[in-house]
Amino acid sequence: MFRETKDGRVLIYWHGKQITVLKGKVASKFLKDILPADSMQAQLVMARITGHFKHGNER
């Protein structure tokens, strides 16, 4: 799940927790890639942009 703010930032969430904040050119490229995508493609775009954020601390 993601949310776009009024100032152009994009907040990406996973299970209700904020994972990352995108700004500037990265945010605009993310929106360009994700808006025409279906749900499966959108998940892949978000996974690519967030990287492997869970490594090392999951239980």
Protein backbone atom coordinates (compact mmCIF):
# COMPACT_ATOMS: atom_id res chain seq x y z
CA MET A 1 0.00 0.00 0.00
CA PHE A 2 1.23 3.52 -0.71
CA ARG A 3 0.02 7.05 -0.17
CA GLU A 4 0.92 10.24 -2.02
CA THR A 5 1.16 13.43 0.04
CA LYS A 6 0.32 16.96 -1.03
CA ASP A 7 3.98 17.94 -1.19
CA GLY A 8 4.79 15.16 -3.70
CA ARG A 9 6.25 12.57 -1.34
CA VAL A 10 5.18 8.92 -1.53
CA LEU A 11 4.86 6.87 1.65
CA ILE A 12 5.04 3.09 1.28
CA TYR A 13 3.45 0.88 3.95
CA TRP A 14 3.61 -2.83 4.78
CA HIS A 15 1.16 -4.33 7.30
CA GLY A 16 0.24 -0.84 8.50
CA LYS A 17 3.83 0.27 9.16
CA GLN A 18 5.61 2.91 7.12
CA ILE A 19 8.56 1.31 5.35
CA THR A 20 10.01 4.10 3.24
CA VAL A 21 9.49 7.65 1.98
CA LEU A 22 10.19 8.58 -1.62
CA LYS A 23 10.85 12.18 -2.68
CA GLY A 24 11.57 14.10 -5.85
CA LYS A 25 12.45 12.25 -9.03
CA VAL A 26 12.27 8.84 -7.34
CA ALA A 27 8.70 9.53 -6.20
CA SER A 28 7.59 10.77 -9.61
CA LYS A 29 9.13 7.73 -11.36
CA PHE A 30 7.45 5.43 -8.83
CA LEU A 31 4.04 7.03 -9.49
CA LYS A 32 4.59 6.85 -13.25
CA ASP A 33 5.34 3.13 -12.96
CA ILE A 34 2.63 2.17 -10.48
CA LEU A 35 -0.46 4.12 -11.56
CA PRO A 36 -1.13 2.16 -14.80
CA ALA A 37 -0.17 -1.18 -13.18
CA ASP A 38 -2.57 -3.87 -11.98
CA SER A 39 -2.32 -5.12 -8.38
CA MET A 40 0.29 -7.81 -9.08
CA GLN A 41 2.54 -5.44 -11.04
CA ALA A 42 2.08 -2.79 -8.34
CA GLN A 43 3.33 -5.24 -5.69
CA LEU A 44 6.41 -5.96 -7.80
CA VAL A 45 7.13 -2.24 -8.25
CA MET A 46 6.86 -1.65 -4.50
CA ALA A 47 9.05 -4.69 -3.75
CA ARG A 48 11.70 -3.44 -6.16
CA ILE A 49 11.73 0.08 -4.69
CA THR A 50 11.84 -1.00 -1.03
CA GLY A 51 14.49 -3.68 -1.48
CA HIS A 52 14.94 -6.36 1.12
CA PHE A 53 13.98 -4.35 4.18
CA LYS A 54 13.16 -7.40 6.34
CA HIS A 55 16.57 -9.11 6.29
CA GLY A 56 18.16 -9.68 9.66
CA ASN A 57 15.45 -8.71 12.10
CA GLU A 58 12.38 -10.82 11.30
CA ARG A 59 11.17 -13.54 13.66
